[in-house]
Amino acid sequence: MRATNIKWDTDGDLELLQELPTEIEIPVRMTDAEEISDYVSEQTGFCHYGFELAD
């Protein structure tokens, strides 16, 4: 599973937005939405406004 279409919170910094990943691979053991959300932020150090999950 992977997080896609991640809406990063970069305070409008478009240059920084271009450097952040558009997809993040989620470990198989993670199924809880809050745990996945935290994992996505922890991978880059940036908060996000949401994402979609894809297989």
PDB file of N, CA and C in Angstrom:
ATOM      1  N   MET A   1       0.843  -1.165   0.000  1.00  0.00           N
ATOM      2  CA  MET A   1       0.000   0.000   0.000  1.00  0.00           C
ATOM      3  C   MET A   1       0.896   1.238   0.000  1.00  0.00           C
ATOM      4  N   ARG A   2       0.381   2.312  -0.586  1.00  0.00           N
ATOM      5  CA  ARG A   2       1.148   3.554  -0.602  1.00  0.00           C
ATOM      6  C   ARG A   2       0.214   4.746  -0.474  1.00  0.00           C
ATOM      7  N   ALA A   3       0.745   5.801   0.099  1.00  0.00           N
ATOM      8  CA  ALA A   3       0.021   7.067   0.184  1.00  0.00           C
ATOM      9  C   ALA A   3       0.324   7.840  -1.099  1.00  0.00           C
ATOM     10  N   THR A   4      -0.716   8.315  -1.769  1.00  0.00           N
ATOM     11  CA  THR A   4      -0.548   9.083  -3.006  1.00  0.00           C
ATOM     12  C   THR A   4      -1.308  10.396  -2.886  1.00  0.00           C
ATOM     13  N   ASN A   5      -1.090  11.290  -3.834  1.00  0.00           N
ATOM     14  CA  ASN A   5      -1.770  12.597  -3.847  1.00  0.00           C
ATOM     15  C   ASN A   5      -1.681  13.276  -2.486  1.00  0.00           C
ATOM     16  N   ILE A   6      -0.482  13.275  -1.926  1.00  0.00           N
ATOM     17  CA  ILE A   6      -0.274  13.863  -0.594  1.00  0.00           C
ATOM     18  C   ILE A   6      -0.356  15.382  -0.711  1.00  0.00           C
ATOM     19  N   LYS A   7      -1.160  15.980   0.144  1.00  0.00           N
ATOM     20  CA  LYS A   7      -1.339  17.434   0.164  1.00  0.00           C
ATOM     21  C   LYS A   7      -0.469  17.998   1.286  1.00  0.00           C
ATOM     22  N   TRP A   8       0.765  18.331   0.947  1.00  0.00           N
ATOM     23  CA  TRP A   8       1.744  18.801   1.926  1.00  0.00           C
ATOM     24  C   TRP A   8       1.437  20.218   2.396  1.00  0.00           C
ATOM     25  N   ASP A   9       1.719  20.478   3.667  1.00  0.00           N
ATOM     26  CA  ASP A   9       1.578  21.810   4.259  1.00  0.00           C
ATOM     27  C   ASP A   9       2.940  22.495   4.198  1.00  0.00           C
ATOM     28  N   THR A  10       3.136  23.299   3.159  1.00  0.00           N
ATOM     29  CA  THR A  10       4.419  23.993   2.984  1.00  0.00           C
ATOM     30  C   THR A  10       4.265  25.505   3.116  1.00  0.00           C
ATOM     31  N   ASP A  11       3.149  25.960   3.653  1.00  0.00           N
ATOM     32  CA  ASP A  11       2.890  27.397   3.808  1.00  0.00           C
ATOM     33  C   ASP A  11       3.059  28.146   2.493  1.00  0.00           C
ATOM     34  N   GLY A  12       2.674  27.512   1.396  1.00  0.00           N
ATOM     35  CA  GLY A  12       2.718  28.161   0.091  1.00  0.00           C
ATOM     36  C   GLY A  12       4.075  28.154  -0.589  1.00  0.00           C
ATOM     37  N   ASP A  13       5.068  27.506  -0.031  1.00  0.00           N
ATOM     38  CA  ASP A  13       6.401  27.441  -0.628  1.00  0.00           C
ATOM     39  C   ASP A  13       6.384  26.414  -1.767  1.00  0.00           C
ATOM     40  N   LEU A  14       6.212  26.900  -2.985  1.00  0.00           N
ATOM     41  CA  LEU A  14       6.097  26.014  -4.142  1.00  0.00           C
ATOM     42  C   LEU A  14       7.402  25.297  -4.467  1.00  0.00           C
ATOM     43  N   GLU A  15       8.523  25.941  -4.205  1.00  0.00           N
ATOM     44  CA  GLU A  15       9.825  25.316  -4.449  1.00  0.00           C
ATOM     45  C   GLU A  15      10.003  24.097  -3.528  1.00  0.00           C
ATOM     46  N   LEU A  16       9.668  24.261  -2.274  1.00  0.00           N
ATOM     47  CA  LEU A  16       9.749  23.161  -1.319  1.00  0.00           C
ATOM     48  C   LEU A  16       8.767  22.060  -1.692  1.00  0.00           C
ATOM     49  N   LEU A  17       7.588  22.430  -2.115  1.00  0.00           N
ATOM     50  CA  LEU A  17       6.572  21.457  -2.511  1.00  0.00           C
ATOM     51  C   LEU A  17       7.079  20.545  -3.619  1.00  0.00           C
ATOM     52  N   GLN A  18       7.866  21.086  -4.542  1.00  0.00           N
ATOM     53  CA  GLN A  18       8.418  20.294  -5.641  1.00  0.00           C
ATOM     54  C   GLN A  18       9.434  19.257  -5.155  1.00  0.00           C
ATOM     55  N   GLU A  19      10.033  19.498  -3.997  1.00  0.00           N
ATOM     56  CA  GLU A  19      11.054  18.592  -3.467  1.00  0.00           C
ATOM     57  C   GLU A  19      10.465  17.440  -2.648  1.00  0.00           C
ATOM     58  N   LEU A  20       9.230  17.590  -2.199  1.00  0.00           N
ATOM     59  CA  LEU A  20       8.611  16.556  -1.367  1.00  0.00           C
ATOM     60  C   LEU A  20       8.054  15.430  -2.232  1.00  0.00           C
ATOM     61  N   PRO A  21       8.024  14.212  -1.705  1.00  0.00           N
ATOM     62  CA  PRO A  21       7.539  13.076  -2.496  1.00  0.00           C
ATOM     63  C   PRO A  21       6.044  13.164  -2.772  1.00  0.00           C
ATOM     64  N   THR A  22       5.641  12.608  -3.894  1.00  0.00           N
ATOM     65  CA  THR A  22       4.219  12.562  -4.238  1.00  0.00           C
ATOM     66  C   THR A  22       3.598  11.244  -3.781  1.00  0.00           C
ATOM     67  N   GLU A  23       4.450  10.277  -3.461  1.00  0.00           N
ATOM     68  CA  GLU A  23       4.004   8.970  -2.967  1.00  0.00           C
ATOM     69  C   GLU A  23       4.954   8.491  -1.874  1.00  0.00           C
ATOM     70  N   ILE A  24       4.390   7.764  -0.910  1.00  0.00           N
ATOM     71  CA  ILE A  24       5.195   7.153   0.144  1.00  0.00           C
ATOM     72  C   ILE A  24       4.686   5.730   0.348  1.00  0.00           C
ATOM     73  N   GLU A  25       5.598   4.787   0.331  1.00  0.00           N
ATOM     74  CA  GLU A  25       5.257   3.383   0.571  1.00  0.00           C
ATOM     75  C   GLU A  25       4.933   3.201   2.058  1.00  0.00           C
ATOM     76  N   ILE A  26       3.806   2.559   2.337  1.00  0.00           N
ATOM     77  CA  ILE A  26       3.347   2.330   3.707  1.00  0.00           C
ATOM     78  C   ILE A  26       3.674   0.884   4.103  1.00  0.00           C
ATOM     79  N   PRO A  27       4.290   0.682   5.269  1.00  0.00           N
ATOM     80  CA  PRO A  27       4.575  -0.685   5.713  1.00  0.00           C
ATOM     81  C   PRO A  27       3.291  -1.520   5.821  1.00  0.00           C
ATOM     82  N   VAL A  28       3.391  -2.783   5.488  1.00  0.00           N
ATOM     83  CA  VAL A  28       2.240  -3.691   5.466  1.00  0.00           C
ATOM     84  C   VAL A  28       1.548  -3.756   6.822  1.00  0.00           C
ATOM     85  N   ARG A  29       2.300  -3.701   7.888  1.00  0.00           N
ATOM     86  CA  ARG A  29       1.729  -3.852   9.227  1.00  0.00           C
ATOM     87  C   ARG A  29       0.832  -2.685   9.633  1.00  0.00           C
ATOM     88  N   MET A  30       0.894  -1.565   8.929  1.00  0.00           N
ATOM     89  CA  MET A  30       0.094  -0.389   9.285  1.00  0.00           C
ATOM     90  C   MET A  30      -1.282  -0.452   8.625  1.00  0.00           C
ATOM     91  N   THR A  31      -2.317  -0.345   9.464  1.00  0.00           N
ATOM     92  CA  THR A  31      -3.682  -0.349   8.948  1.00  0.00           C
ATOM     93  C   THR A  31      -4.515   0.789   9.529  1.00  0.00           C
ATOM     94  N   ASP A  32      -4.104   1.324  10.667  1.00  0.00           N
ATOM     95  CA  ASP A  32      -4.831   2.393  11.328  1.00  0.00           C
ATOM     96  C   ASP A  32      -4.586   3.723  10.608  1.00  0.00           C
ATOM     97  N   ALA A  33      -5.656   4.446  10.286  1.00  0.00           N
ATOM     98  CA  ALA A  33      -5.550   5.698   9.519  1.00  0.00           C
ATOM     99  C   ALA A  33      -4.684   6.741  10.218  1.00  0.00           C
ATOM    100  N   GLU A  34      -4.814   6.868  11.525  1.00  0.00           N
ATOM    101  CA  GLU A  34      -4.015   7.852  12.263  1.00  0.00           C
ATOM    102  C   GLU A  34      -2.541   7.473  12.268  1.00  0.00           C
ATOM    103  N   GLU A  35      -2.266   6.185  12.415  1.00  0.00           N
ATOM    104  CA  GLU A  35      -0.882   5.704  12.388  1.00  0.00           C
ATOM    105  C   GLU A  35      -0.256   5.968  11.011  1.00  0.00           C
ATOM    106  N   ILE A  36      -1.007   5.727   9.949  1.00  0.00           N
ATOM    107  CA  ILE A  36      -0.516   5.983   8.596  1.00  0.00           C
ATOM    108  C   ILE A  36      -0.271   7.469   8.399  1.00  0.00           C
ATOM    109  N   SER A  37      -1.184   8.300   8.870  1.00  0.00           N
ATOM    110  CA  SER A  37      -1.031   9.748   8.754  1.00  0.00           C
ATOM    111  C   SER A  37       0.249  10.223   9.444  1.00  0.00           C
ATOM    112  N   ASP A  38       0.485   9.730  10.656  1.00  0.00           N
ATOM    113  CA  ASP A  38       1.711  10.086  11.384  1.00  0.00           C
ATOM    114  C   ASP A  38       2.944   9.607  10.637  1.00  0.00           C
ATOM    115  N   TYR A  39       2.880   8.411  10.077  1.00  0.00           N
ATOM    116  CA  TYR A  39       4.012   7.850   9.344  1.00  0.00           C
ATOM    117  C   TYR A  39       4.370   8.719   8.135  1.00  0.00           C
ATOM    118  N   VAL A  40       3.358   9.161   7.400  1.00  0.00           N
ATOM    119  CA  VAL A  40       3.584  10.013   6.230  1.00  0.00           C
ATOM    120  C   VAL A  40       4.327  11.287   6.646  1.00  0.00           C
ATOM    121  N   SER A  41       3.891  11.923   7.716  1.00  0.00           N
ATOM    122  CA  SER A  41       4.561  13.142   8.192  1.00  0.00           C
ATOM    123  C   SER A  41       5.971  12.866   8.684  1.00  0.00           C
ATOM    124  N   GLU A  42       6.149  11.753   9.386  1.00  0.00           N
ATOM    125  CA  GLU A  42       7.463  11.416   9.931  1.00  0.00           C
ATOM    126  C   GLU A  42       8.508  11.160   8.848  1.00  0.00           C
ATOM    127  N   GLN A  43       8.088  10.717   7.678  1.00  0.00           N
ATOM    128  CA  GLN A  43       9.043  10.407   6.606  1.00  0.00           C
ATOM    129  C   GLN A  43       9.730  11.651   6.061  1.00  0.00           C
ATOM    130  N   THR A  44       9.077  12.800   6.149  1.00  0.00           N
ATOM    131  CA  THR A  44       9.660  14.025   5.601  1.00  0.00           C
ATOM    132  C   THR A  44       9.845  15.126   6.635  1.00  0.00           C
ATOM    133  N   GLY A  45       9.151  15.016   7.759  1.00  0.00           N
ATOM    134  CA  GLY A  45       9.205  16.079   8.757  1.00  0.00           C
ATOM    135  C   GLY A  45       8.190  17.185   8.474  1.00  0.00           C
ATOM    136  N   PHE A  46       7.295  16.951   7.515  1.00  0.00           N
ATOM    137  CA  PHE A  46       6.286  17.956   7.175  1.00  0.00           C
ATOM    138  C   PHE A  46       4.885  17.425   7.438  1.00  0.00           C
ATOM    139  N   CYS A  47       4.028  18.314   7.889  1.00  0.00           N
ATOM    140  CA  CYS A  47       2.617  17.959   8.072  1.00  0.00           C
ATOM    141  C   CYS A  47       1.931  17.926   6.715  1.00  0.00           C
ATOM    142  N   HIS A  48       0.745  17.351   6.701  1.00  0.00           N
ATOM    143  CA  HIS A  48      -0.018  17.275   5.459  1.00  0.00           C
ATOM    144  C   HIS A  48      -1.496  17.499   5.768  1.00  0.00           C
ATOM    145  N   TYR A  49      -2.256  17.786   4.707  1.00  0.00           N
ATOM    146  CA  TYR A  49      -3.690  17.990   4.834  1.00  0.00           C
ATOM    147  C   TYR A  49      -4.494  16.762   4.410  1.00  0.00           C
ATOM    148  N   GLY A  50      -3.805  15.724   3.992  1.00  0.00           N
ATOM    149  CA  GLY A  50      -4.488  14.513   3.578  1.00  0.00           C
ATOM    150  C   GLY A  50      -3.756  13.809   2.446  1.00  0.00           C
ATOM    151  N   PHE A  51      -4.261  12.627   2.107  1.00  0.00           N
ATOM    152  CA  PHE A  51      -3.677  11.793   1.062  1.00  0.00           C
ATOM    153  C   PHE A  51      -4.682  10.728   0.698  1.00  0.00           C
ATOM    154  N   GLU A  52      -4.373   9.985  -0.339  1.00  0.00           N
ATOM    155  CA  GLU A  52      -5.195   8.839  -0.731  1.00  0.00           C
ATOM    156  C   GLU A  52      -4.352   7.584  -0.565  1.00  0.00           C
ATOM    157  N   LEU A  53      -5.005   6.457  -0.323  1.00  0.00           N
ATOM    158  CA  LEU A  53      -4.291   5.184  -0.226  1.00  0.00           C
ATOM    159  C   LEU A  53      -4.551   4.371  -1.495  1.00  0.00           C
ATOM    160  N   ALA A  54      -3.479   3.786  -2.008  1.00  0.00           N
ATOM    161  CA  ALA A  54      -3.570   2.964  -3.216  1.00  0.00           C
ATOM    162  C   ALA A  54      -2.802   1.665  -2.979  1.00  0.00           C
ATOM    163  N   ASP A  55      -3.215   0.617  -3.700  1.00  0.00           N
ATOM    164  CA  ASP A  55      -2.521  -0.676  -3.599  1.00  0.00           C
ATOM    165  C   ASP A  55      -1.281  -0.691  -4.444  1.00  0.00           C
TER     166      ASP A  55
END
